[in-house]
Amino acid sequence: MPLHEGPQHDGQHLSVNPFLGPANPVGDMTEAPPRHRLPATPVAPSTAYQLVHDELMLDGNARLNLATFVTTWMEPEAGALMAECRDKNMIDKDEYPRTAELERRCVAMLADLWHAPDPSAAVGCSTTGSSEACMLAGMALKRRWALGNADRYPSRDTRPNLVMGVNVQVCWEKFCTYWEVEARQVPMEGERFHLDPRAAAELCDENTIGVVTVLGSTFDGSYEPVAEVCAALDELQERTGLDVPVHVDGASGAMVAPFLDEDLVWDFRLPRVASINTSGHKYGLVYPGVGWALWRDADALPEELVFRVNYLGGDMPTFALNFSRPGAQVVAQYYTFLRLGREGYRAVQQAARDVAGGLAARIEALGGFRLLTRGDRLPVFAFTTADDVTAYDVFDVSRRMREHGWLVPAYAFPANRQDLSVLRVVCRNGFSEDLADLFAEDLARLLPELRRQPHPLTRDRDAATGFHH
């Protein structure tokens, strides 16, 4: 979660509209509760609601947020189920056995979807999102490495490492920092914006706990070549004897590729793939708060990482970073699996990919922009300004589109391509062709003004699109 500092504003009290009635049973109608400390007395429920509601009106419109991968629309029936389950603690499987059963069924469905050799033998769990799922997968990789090197570990001169592309989501950098693992990152090179198989294999040694591959890069929506990475590691094992497992970070792509790219081999069909994660709340089509981590079999997840507790009743195995969380999102995931099935997911994801491809083509046709990707993997594409454009940059475009309500992130690429700054558009379920038309029209309407600028005007690039803690 974001790390927040103390109060950043001068205002010390919230303003209360007299129409809202008494602020508290004995107070004045306009008595205002403090902004940064607990009020001394209660306020009426309707007053508290209106104060919070009014402030939240200043948030952006989630449906127009083309930065987030997170689901921003679900059917009313899903919302009703989530409301019915919001008071259920997912971890309390003895008290809520049917919720636990729905979680187990989701794991089984994903094991089948991702071609586990024996779906009944696959091990998995729900999480609060892909970041937690990645942490759990990384912990399993590290512990497997430690168990295999018990004669050398732990020792002060032995530090495990994890190989990945520089384009990984920040959760992997967090994992390496929190769990004291060296992050060995393959930099971008030229027009290659993700992991190179041979370069990944060259970074591996006897202290490598695994290689992370990304099925759907956050930076541009492209798939990393998982099969080629596994092949390079097969060759490495033939030469050196090193047996390095692979984790697939399928936060987005693991819920797209099975339906739209069925011939692409990236999952448990590759023997070297030990674990996979995905975000149920991204292209799994569920509101925020659910991810999934799966291991191909029990051997891939060391038993000593699984804790068993009995103080909620029963004998409950648990592998998670937090103990209490709502069951609503897991129920919503099962509802969505049941509601859509394979054909439904295929239709939804294909519609998103069609919107992405169509919008990318329209932006290219406007002139002044160059596409890096076209939305033909994830329904996501990245583009930058054309080489001959000097009047504006991607940060100007982002700032001006925000004036029309569109949240389009502009950012620089990481090491070796920090010279390249791009805009990225994420097309999700709910971002329809009609909305894509409106987006393209607004962008086309702004271009003449941007072209008349003497030079790029967004001086503070962080302020253009960034959130400050």
Protein backbone atom coordinates (compact mmCIF):
# COMPACT_ATOMS: atom_id res chain seq x y z
CA MET A 1 0.00 0.00 0.00
CA PRO A 2 1.14 3.62 -0.41
CA LEU A 3 3.22 5.06 2.42
CA HIS A 4 1.70 8.35 3.54
CA GLU A 5 3.34 11.18 5.42
CA GLY A 6 1.57 13.45 7.91
CA PRO A 7 -0.91 16.25 7.09
CA GLN A 8 0.05 18.17 3.97
CA HIS A 9 -2.69 20.84 4.05
CA ASP A 10 -3.40 23.87 6.22
CA GLY A 11 -7.12 23.18 6.72
CA GLN A 12 -7.71 21.64 10.14
CA HIS A 13 -11.48 21.06 10.05
CA LEU A 14 -13.97 19.66 7.57
CA SER A 15 -16.70 22.03 6.46
CA VAL A 16 -20.24 20.98 7.35
CA ASN A 17 -23.19 22.13 5.25
CA PRO A 18 -26.04 23.34 7.54
CA PHE A 19 -28.48 21.26 5.46
CA LEU A 20 -26.84 18.13 6.90
CA GLY A 21 -28.33 18.77 10.31
CA PRO A 22 -26.64 18.60 13.73
CA ALA A 23 -23.05 17.43 13.60
CA ASN A 24 -23.60 15.58 16.87
CA PRO A 25 -26.48 15.12 19.31
CA VAL A 26 -25.49 18.13 21.41
CA GLY A 27 -23.50 20.18 18.95
CA ASP A 28 -24.10 23.15 16.71
CA MET A 29 -25.43 22.55 13.16
CA THR A 30 -22.21 23.83 11.70
CA GLU A 31 -19.80 22.31 14.19
CA ALA A 32 -17.02 20.83 12.11
CA PRO A 33 -15.14 17.63 12.93
CA PRO A 34 -11.33 17.87 12.81
CA ARG A 35 -9.54 16.75 9.66
CA HIS A 36 -6.44 15.06 11.07
CA ARG A 37 -7.44 13.77 14.50
CA LEU A 38 -10.34 11.78 15.85
CA PRO A 39 -13.42 13.88 16.69
CA ALA A 40 -14.27 14.14 20.37
CA THR A 41 -17.89 13.14 19.75
CA PRO A 42 -19.86 11.17 17.13
CA VAL A 43 -21.55 12.71 14.12
CA ALA A 44 -24.75 11.55 12.48
CA PRO A 45 -24.32 8.70 9.96
CA SER A 46 -25.74 10.80 7.15
CA THR A 47 -23.33 13.63 7.97
CA ALA A 48 -20.31 11.33 8.02
CA TYR A 49 -21.42 9.77 4.75
CA GLN A 50 -21.90 13.09 2.99
CA LEU A 51 -18.55 14.47 4.16
CA VAL A 52 -16.70 11.45 2.78
CA HIS A 53 -18.87 11.23 -0.35
CA ASP A 54 -18.29 14.87 -1.27
CA GLU A 55 -14.53 14.59 -0.95
CA LEU A 56 -14.41 11.44 -3.06
CA MET A 57 -16.15 13.28 -5.90
CA LEU A 58 -12.76 14.81 -6.64
CA ASP A 59 -11.27 11.40 -7.47
CA GLY A 60 -10.84 10.56 -11.12
CA ASN A 61 -13.46 8.52 -12.98
CA ALA A 62 -12.27 4.90 -12.74
CA ARG A 63 -13.73 4.00 -16.14
CA LEU A 64 -11.61 6.71 -17.79
CA ASN A 65 -8.44 5.57 -16.02
CA LEU A 66 -6.31 4.09 -18.79
CA ALA A 67 -3.33 3.71 -16.46
CA THR A 68 -4.68 0.97 -14.23
CA PHE A 69 -4.82 -2.72 -15.08
CA VAL A 70 -7.36 -3.22 -12.30
CA THR A 71 -10.98 -4.14 -13.03
CA THR A 72 -13.28 -1.11 -12.81
CA TRP A 73 -16.63 -2.71 -13.74
CA MET A 74 -18.52 -5.81 -12.67
CA GLU A 75 -22.11 -6.92 -13.00
CA PRO A 76 -24.59 -5.94 -10.25
CA GLU A 77 -24.99 -9.61 -9.33
CA ALA A 78 -21.29 -9.83 -8.55
CA GLY A 79 -21.51 -6.69 -6.45
CA ALA A 80 -24.44 -8.17 -4.52
CA LEU A 81 -22.48 -11.35 -3.77
CA MET A 82 -19.51 -9.32 -2.60
CA ALA A 83 -21.72 -7.27 -0.29
CA GLU A 84 -23.11 -10.48 1.20
CA CYS A 85 -19.58 -11.74 1.92
CA ARG A 86 -17.81 -8.58 3.04
CA ASP A 87 -17.97 -9.62 6.70
CA LYS A 88 -16.40 -13.06 6.11
CA ASN A 89 -12.74 -13.52 7.00
CA MET A 90 -11.20 -15.58 4.23
CA ILE A 91 -8.69 -17.20 6.57
CA ASP A 92 -11.39 -18.65 8.87
CA LYS A 93 -12.06 -21.74 6.82
CA ASP A 94 -13.67 -23.65 9.68
CA GLU A 95 -16.31 -20.97 10.19
CA TYR A 96 -16.84 -20.33 6.46
CA PRO A 97 -16.32 -23.73 4.84
CA ARG A 98 -18.26 -22.94 1.66
CA THR A 99 -16.16 -19.86 0.99
CA ALA A 100 -13.08 -22.04 1.48
CA GLU A 101 -14.53 -24.57 -0.95
CA LEU A 102 -15.02 -21.88 -3.59
CA GLU A 103 -11.38 -20.87 -3.15
CA ARG A 104 -10.33 -24.51 -3.62
CA ARG A 105 -12.41 -24.78 -6.79
CA CYS A 106 -10.82 -21.61 -8.21
CA VAL A 107 -7.35 -23.08 -7.61
CA ALA A 108 -8.41 -26.29 -9.37
CA MET A 109 -9.82 -24.35 -12.32
CA LEU A 110 -6.60 -22.36 -12.70
CA ALA A 111 -4.47 -25.51 -12.44
CA ASP A 112 -6.48 -27.00 -15.29
CA LEU A 113 -6.40 -23.76 -17.29
CA TRP A 114 -2.60 -23.56 -16.95
CA HIS A 115 -2.05 -27.22 -17.88
CA ALA A 116 -0.70 -28.54 -14.58
CA PRO A 117 0.53 -32.11 -15.24
CA ASP A 118 -1.84 -33.35 -12.55
CA PRO A 119 -4.34 -30.62 -11.62
CA SER A 120 -5.31 -32.53 -8.48
CA ALA A 121 -1.68 -32.41 -7.33
CA ALA A 122 -1.18 -28.69 -7.97
CA VAL A 123 -0.94 -26.47 -4.89
CA GLY A 124 -2.31 -22.96 -4.75
CA CYS A 125 -3.92 -20.20 -2.74
CA SER A 126 -5.67 -16.90 -3.09
CA THR A 127 -3.90 -13.69 -2.10
CA THR A 128 -4.70 -10.00 -1.86
CA GLY A 129 -3.23 -9.52 -5.33
CA SER A 130 -0.33 -10.41 -7.57
CA SER A 131 2.20 -8.59 -5.42
CA GLU A 132 1.55 -10.90 -2.49
CA ALA A 133 1.42 -13.89 -4.85
CA CYS A 134 4.85 -12.92 -6.22
CA MET A 135 6.23 -12.60 -2.70
CA LEU A 136 4.99 -16.10 -1.87
CA ALA A 137 6.42 -17.54 -5.09
CA GLY A 138 9.75 -15.84 -4.42
CA MET A 139 9.82 -17.19 -0.87
CA ALA A 140 9.23 -20.71 -2.18
CA LEU A 141 12.06 -20.32 -4.71
CA LYS A 142 14.43 -19.05 -2.03
CA ARG A 143 13.58 -21.82 0.43
CA ARG A 144 13.94 -24.53 -2.25
CA TRP A 145 17.36 -23.13 -3.09
CA ALA A 146 18.34 -23.03 0.59
CA LEU A 147 17.21 -26.62 1.16
CA GLY A 148 19.25 -27.70 -1.84
CA ASN A 149 22.31 -25.88 -0.52
CA ALA A 150 22.00 -26.70 3.16
CA ASP A 151 25.72 -27.46 3.41
CA ARG A 152 26.57 -23.86 2.37
CA TYR A 153 23.61 -21.85 3.57
CA PRO A 154 23.25 -19.72 5.53
CA SER A 155 26.72 -18.25 5.46
CA ARG A 156 27.81 -14.64 5.37
CA ASP A 157 29.46 -14.92 1.98
CA THR A 158 26.55 -16.65 0.25
CA ARG A 159 23.72 -14.48 -0.98
CA PRO A 160 21.00 -15.86 -3.24
CA ASN A 161 20.08 -14.04 -6.43
CA LEU A 162 17.03 -13.81 -8.65
CA VAL A 163 17.29 -13.15 -12.39
CA MET A 164 14.68 -11.00 -14.14
CA GLY A 165 14.25 -8.31 -16.74
CA VAL A 166 14.54 -4.68 -15.74
CA ASN A 167 10.90 -4.32 -16.81
CA VAL A 168 9.48 -6.37 -13.93
CA GLN A 169 6.76 -4.93 -11.73
CA VAL A 170 8.09 -3.21 -8.62
CA CYS A 171 6.89 -6.06 -6.37
CA TRP A 172 9.90 -8.12 -7.49
CA GLU A 173 12.31 -5.39 -6.46
CA LYS A 174 10.47 -5.23 -3.15
CA PHE A 175 10.81 -8.98 -2.74
CA CYS A 176 14.56 -8.85 -3.30
CA THR A 177 14.96 -5.98 -0.84
CA TYR A 178 12.69 -7.40 1.86
CA TRP A 179 14.07 -10.95 1.67
CA GLU A 180 17.71 -10.01 1.05
CA VAL A 181 18.03 -11.48 -2.41
CA GLU A 182 20.29 -9.97 -5.05
CA ALA A 183 18.25 -8.74 -8.01
CA ARG A 184 20.09 -9.52 -11.25
CA GLN A 185 18.29 -7.58 -13.94
CA VAL A 186 18.71 -7.91 -17.68
CA PRO A 187 18.62 -4.36 -19.10
CA MET A 188 16.62 -3.24 -22.10
CA GLU A 189 18.54 -3.01 -25.35
CA GLY A 190 17.49 -1.10 -28.47
CA GLU A 191 13.94 -2.10 -29.38
CA ARG A 192 13.97 -5.09 -26.99
CA PHE A 193 12.00 -3.96 -23.98
CA HIS A 194 11.92 -7.17 -21.93
CA LEU A 195 13.92 -10.23 -20.89
CA ASP A 196 16.43 -11.78 -23.30
CA PRO A 197 16.69 -15.58 -22.81
CA ARG A 198 20.41 -15.92 -23.40
CA ALA A 199 21.27 -12.91 -21.26
CA ALA A 200 19.10 -14.33 -18.45
CA ALA A 201 20.92 -17.69 -18.57
CA GLU A 202 24.31 -15.95 -18.50
CA LEU A 203 23.41 -14.25 -15.22
CA CYS A 204 22.59 -17.54 -13.48
CA ASP A 205 24.99 -19.31 -11.13
CA GLU A 206 24.88 -21.78 -8.24
CA ASN A 207 23.22 -19.12 -6.04
CA THR A 208 20.37 -18.34 -8.44
CA ILE A 209 17.03 -19.23 -6.87
CA GLY A 210 15.11 -18.79 -10.13
CA VAL A 211 14.33 -16.72 -13.20
CA VAL A 212 11.22 -14.53 -13.34
CA THR A 213 9.46 -14.22 -16.67
CA VAL A 214 6.60 -11.79 -17.25
CA LEU A 215 3.58 -12.68 -19.34
CA GLY A 216 2.44 -9.16 -20.08
CA SER A 217 4.95 -6.44 -19.31
CA THR A 218 3.68 -3.45 -17.37
CA PHE A 219 5.77 -1.15 -19.55
CA ASP A 220 4.36 -2.03 -22.96
CA GLY A 221 1.98 -5.02 -22.70
CA SER A 222 4.30 -7.47 -24.47
CA TYR A 223 4.76 -11.13 -23.52
CA GLU A 224 8.20 -12.31 -22.52
CA PRO A 225 9.42 -15.46 -24.36
CA VAL A 226 8.89 -17.97 -21.54
CA ALA A 227 9.55 -21.05 -23.66
CA GLU A 228 12.78 -19.58 -25.02
CA VAL A 229 13.94 -18.71 -21.50
CA CYS A 230 13.25 -22.30 -20.41
CA ALA A 231 15.17 -23.60 -23.44
CA ALA A 232 18.16 -21.40 -22.59
CA LEU A 233 18.10 -22.74 -19.02
CA ASP A 234 17.88 -26.31 -20.36
CA GLU A 235 21.08 -25.67 -22.31
CA LEU A 236 22.65 -24.15 -19.20
CA GLN A 237 21.85 -27.28 -17.22
CA GLU A 238 23.36 -29.50 -19.92
CA ARG A 239 26.59 -27.48 -19.80
CA THR A 240 26.91 -26.83 -16.08
CA GLY A 241 24.47 -29.02 -14.19
CA LEU A 242 22.67 -25.96 -12.79
CA ASP A 243 18.92 -26.61 -12.52
CA VAL A 244 17.24 -23.19 -12.32
CA PRO A 245 13.44 -23.05 -11.96
CA VAL A 246 11.24 -20.46 -13.66
CA HIS A 247 8.40 -18.45 -12.20
CA VAL A 248 5.86 -16.89 -14.57
CA ASP A 249 4.47 -13.57 -13.41
CA GLY A 250 1.19 -13.75 -15.26
CA ALA A 251 -0.43 -10.88 -13.35
CA SER A 252 -2.30 -9.92 -16.51
CA GLY A 253 -1.33 -12.32 -19.28
CA ALA A 254 -2.17 -15.54 -17.44
CA MET A 255 -5.83 -14.59 -17.78
CA VAL A 256 -5.51 -13.53 -21.42
CA ALA A 257 -3.18 -16.01 -23.15
CA PRO A 258 -5.15 -19.19 -22.26
CA PHE A 259 -8.16 -17.80 -24.12
CA LEU A 260 -6.66 -15.82 -27.01
CA ASP A 261 -3.24 -17.42 -27.55
CA GLU A 262 -3.96 -21.10 -26.99
CA ASP A 263 -1.00 -22.27 -29.08
CA LEU A 264 1.47 -20.23 -27.06
CA VAL A 265 3.35 -22.51 -24.64
CA TRP A 266 4.22 -20.57 -21.50
CA ASP A 267 2.67 -22.41 -18.54
CA PHE A 268 3.05 -25.73 -16.68
CA ARG A 269 3.44 -27.50 -20.03
CA LEU A 270 7.05 -26.36 -19.67
CA PRO A 271 8.64 -28.65 -17.04
CA ARG A 272 10.92 -25.87 -15.84
CA VAL A 273 7.98 -23.65 -14.83
CA ALA A 274 7.61 -24.21 -11.08
CA SER A 275 5.01 -21.57 -10.25
CA ILE A 276 2.63 -19.04 -11.78
CA ASN A 277 0.75 -16.08 -10.37
CA THR A 278 -2.08 -13.94 -11.67
CA SER A 279 -4.26 -11.06 -10.57
CA GLY A 280 -7.90 -11.98 -10.28
CA HIS A 281 -8.56 -8.26 -10.11
CA LYS A 282 -6.95 -7.49 -13.46
CA TYR A 283 -7.92 -9.57 -16.48
CA GLY A 284 -9.44 -12.07 -14.08
CA LEU A 285 -12.28 -9.48 -14.16
CA VAL A 286 -12.85 -9.06 -10.40
CA TYR A 287 -12.83 -5.87 -8.35
CA PRO A 288 -9.53 -5.15 -6.50
CA GLY A 289 -8.39 -7.45 -3.73
CA VAL A 290 -7.65 -10.91 -5.15
CA GLY A 291 -4.66 -12.67 -6.67
CA TRP A 292 -3.64 -16.30 -7.13
CA ALA A 293 -0.39 -18.24 -6.70
CA LEU A 294 -0.05 -21.81 -7.97
CA TRP A 295 2.79 -24.36 -7.83
CA ARG A 296 2.93 -27.28 -10.25
CA ASP A 297 3.04 -29.80 -7.37
CA ALA A 298 3.73 -30.06 -3.65
CA ASP A 299 7.48 -30.44 -4.25
CA ALA A 300 7.62 -26.90 -5.65
CA LEU A 301 6.30 -25.44 -2.37
CA PRO A 302 8.38 -26.46 0.67
CA GLU A 303 6.11 -27.77 3.40
CA GLU A 304 7.96 -25.79 6.08
CA LEU A 305 6.55 -22.55 4.63
CA VAL A 306 3.01 -23.71 5.32
CA PHE A 307 1.74 -22.96 8.83
CA ARG A 308 -1.04 -24.85 10.55
CA VAL A 309 -3.20 -23.18 13.15
CA ASN A 310 -6.09 -24.47 15.22
CA TYR A 311 -7.22 -21.43 17.21
CA LEU A 312 -9.99 -20.60 14.74
CA GLY A 313 -11.22 -24.15 14.92
CA GLY A 314 -10.10 -27.15 12.89
CA ASP A 315 -6.62 -27.77 11.49
CA MET A 316 -6.01 -24.98 9.01
CA PRO A 317 -2.96 -24.79 6.70
CA THR A 318 -2.08 -21.26 5.64
CA PHE A 319 0.55 -19.73 3.38
CA ALA A 320 0.12 -15.97 3.20
CA LEU A 321 1.71 -12.70 4.27
CA ASN A 322 -1.39 -11.51 6.07
CA PHE A 323 -3.89 -13.41 8.15
CA SER A 324 -7.23 -11.62 7.84
CA ARG A 325 -8.81 -10.53 4.58
CA PRO A 326 -12.33 -10.54 3.17
CA GLY A 327 -13.75 -13.51 1.32
CA ALA A 328 -15.81 -11.30 -1.00
CA GLN A 329 -13.25 -11.14 -3.82
CA VAL A 330 -12.71 -14.90 -3.84
CA VAL A 331 -16.47 -15.41 -4.09
CA ALA A 332 -16.58 -12.86 -6.91
CA GLN A 333 -13.79 -14.74 -8.70
CA TYR A 334 -15.73 -18.00 -8.52
CA TYR A 335 -18.86 -16.19 -9.71
CA THR A 336 -16.97 -14.83 -12.71
CA PHE A 337 -15.46 -18.23 -13.58
CA LEU A 338 -18.94 -19.76 -13.34
CA ARG A 339 -20.62 -16.90 -15.18
CA LEU A 340 -18.26 -16.68 -18.17
CA GLY A 341 -16.60 -20.05 -18.66
CA ARG A 342 -13.92 -20.38 -21.31
CA GLU A 343 -16.03 -19.00 -24.15
CA GLY A 344 -17.17 -16.03 -22.09
CA TYR A 345 -13.61 -15.14 -21.10
CA ARG A 346 -12.52 -15.55 -24.70
CA ALA A 347 -15.22 -13.15 -25.88
CA VAL A 348 -14.47 -10.53 -23.22
CA GLN A 349 -10.70 -10.61 -23.73
CA GLN A 350 -11.03 -10.61 -27.52
CA ALA A 351 -13.28 -7.56 -27.34
CA ALA A 352 -10.66 -5.77 -25.21
CA ARG A 353 -7.89 -6.75 -27.63
CA ASP A 354 -9.98 -5.54 -30.59
CA VAL A 355 -10.54 -2.18 -28.90
CA ALA A 356 -6.81 -1.88 -28.15
CA GLY A 357 -5.77 -2.73 -31.69
CA GLY A 358 -8.31 -0.38 -33.22
CA LEU A 359 -7.39 2.52 -30.97
CA ALA A 360 -3.67 1.97 -31.53
CA ALA A 361 -4.21 2.12 -35.30
CA ARG A 362 -6.22 5.35 -35.00
CA ILE A 363 -3.51 6.99 -32.90
CA GLU A 364 -0.86 5.96 -35.42
CA ALA A 365 -2.96 7.41 -38.23
CA LEU A 366 -3.14 10.80 -36.50
CA GLY A 367 0.54 11.36 -37.18
CA GLY A 368 2.99 12.66 -34.63
CA PHE A 369 3.19 9.37 -32.72
CA ARG A 370 5.10 6.10 -33.01
CA LEU A 371 3.69 2.83 -31.67
CA LEU A 372 5.93 0.54 -29.63
CA THR A 373 3.25 -2.14 -29.26
CA ARG A 374 -0.17 -2.58 -30.82
CA GLY A 375 -2.25 -4.34 -28.18
CA ASP A 376 -2.00 -7.71 -29.90
CA ARG A 377 -0.79 -9.48 -26.74
CA LEU A 378 -2.23 -7.87 -23.65
CA PRO A 379 -4.98 -5.42 -24.68
CA VAL A 380 -2.39 -2.77 -23.85
CA PHE A 381 -0.22 -0.62 -26.07
CA ALA A 382 2.51 1.96 -25.62
CA PHE A 383 3.39 4.83 -27.92
CA THR A 384 5.72 7.81 -28.00
CA THR A 385 6.08 10.95 -30.06
CA ALA A 386 7.48 10.66 -33.56
CA ASP A 387 11.16 11.42 -34.05
CA ASP A 388 10.46 14.70 -35.86
CA VAL A 389 8.17 16.10 -33.13
CA THR A 390 9.79 18.88 -31.09
CA ALA A 391 6.82 21.01 -29.99
CA TYR A 392 5.43 18.59 -27.39
CA ASP A 393 6.31 15.39 -25.57
CA VAL A 394 4.38 12.54 -23.99
CA PHE A 395 4.13 14.42 -20.68
CA ASP A 396 2.36 17.30 -22.42
CA VAL A 397 -0.06 14.85 -24.00
CA SER A 398 -0.79 13.20 -20.65
CA ARG A 399 -1.37 16.55 -18.96
CA ARG A 400 -3.72 17.83 -21.65
CA MET A 401 -5.71 14.59 -21.85
CA ARG A 402 -6.20 14.76 -18.09
CA GLU A 403 -8.03 18.03 -18.64
CA HIS A 404 -10.65 15.98 -20.49
CA GLY A 405 -10.89 13.39 -17.71
CA TRP A 406 -8.55 10.79 -19.27
CA LEU A 407 -5.83 9.36 -17.05
CA VAL A 408 -3.05 8.29 -19.42
CA PRO A 409 0.31 7.58 -17.75
CA ALA A 410 3.48 9.04 -19.22
CA TYR A 411 6.79 7.67 -17.98
CA ALA A 412 10.40 7.02 -18.90
CA PHE A 413 11.68 3.49 -19.49
CA PRO A 414 14.27 2.01 -17.12
CA ALA A 415 18.03 1.48 -17.43
CA ASN A 416 19.56 1.50 -20.91
CA ARG A 417 16.44 3.11 -22.43
CA GLN A 418 15.87 6.01 -20.08
CA ASP A 419 15.99 8.18 -23.17
CA LEU A 420 12.60 6.76 -24.18
CA SER A 421 9.41 8.15 -22.66
CA VAL A 422 6.02 6.74 -23.57
CA LEU A 423 2.29 6.85 -23.02
CA ARG A 424 0.46 3.61 -22.21
CA VAL A 425 -3.20 2.75 -22.76
CA VAL A 426 -4.74 -0.20 -20.89
CA CYS A 427 -7.96 -1.45 -22.46
CA ARG A 428 -10.08 -3.37 -19.96
CA ASN A 429 -13.56 -4.78 -19.94
CA GLY A 430 -15.82 -1.72 -19.74
CA PHE A 431 -13.58 0.42 -21.97
CA SER A 432 -15.82 0.11 -25.00
CA GLU A 433 -15.35 1.07 -28.63
CA ASP A 434 -17.53 4.11 -27.94
CA LEU A 435 -15.17 5.28 -25.19
CA ALA A 436 -12.19 4.54 -27.44
CA ASP A 437 -13.78 6.76 -30.11
CA LEU A 438 -14.18 9.57 -27.59
CA PHE A 439 -10.56 9.16 -26.50
CA ALA A 440 -9.29 9.32 -30.09
CA GLU A 441 -11.47 12.37 -30.82
CA ASP A 442 -10.19 14.22 -27.77
CA LEU A 443 -6.60 13.44 -28.69
CA ALA A 444 -7.13 14.55 -32.28
CA ARG A 445 -8.74 17.77 -31.05
CA LEU A 446 -5.73 18.55 -28.86
CA LEU A 447 -3.04 17.87 -31.45
CA PRO A 448 -3.26 21.20 -33.33
CA GLU A 449 -2.78 23.07 -30.05
CA LEU A 450 0.14 20.86 -29.07
CA ARG A 451 1.78 21.35 -32.46
CA ARG A 452 1.63 25.13 -32.02
CA GLN A 453 3.66 25.01 -28.80
CA PRO A 454 7.17 26.47 -29.06
CA HIS A 455 8.55 23.54 -27.06
CA PRO A 456 7.39 20.95 -24.52
CA LEU A 457 5.74 22.77 -21.63
CA THR A 458 5.58 20.18 -18.85
CA ARG A 459 8.63 21.14 -16.82
CA ASP A 460 7.94 18.98 -13.77
CA ARG A 461 7.41 15.58 -15.34
CA ASP A 462 6.70 13.89 -12.02
CA ALA A 463 3.99 16.42 -11.28
CA ALA A 464 2.41 15.79 -14.67
CA THR A 465 1.23 12.29 -13.84
CA GLY A 466 2.75 11.25 -10.53
CA PHE A 467 1.22 10.61 -7.13
CA HIS A 468 3.28 12.01 -4.29
CA HIS A 469 3.52 10.41 -0.85
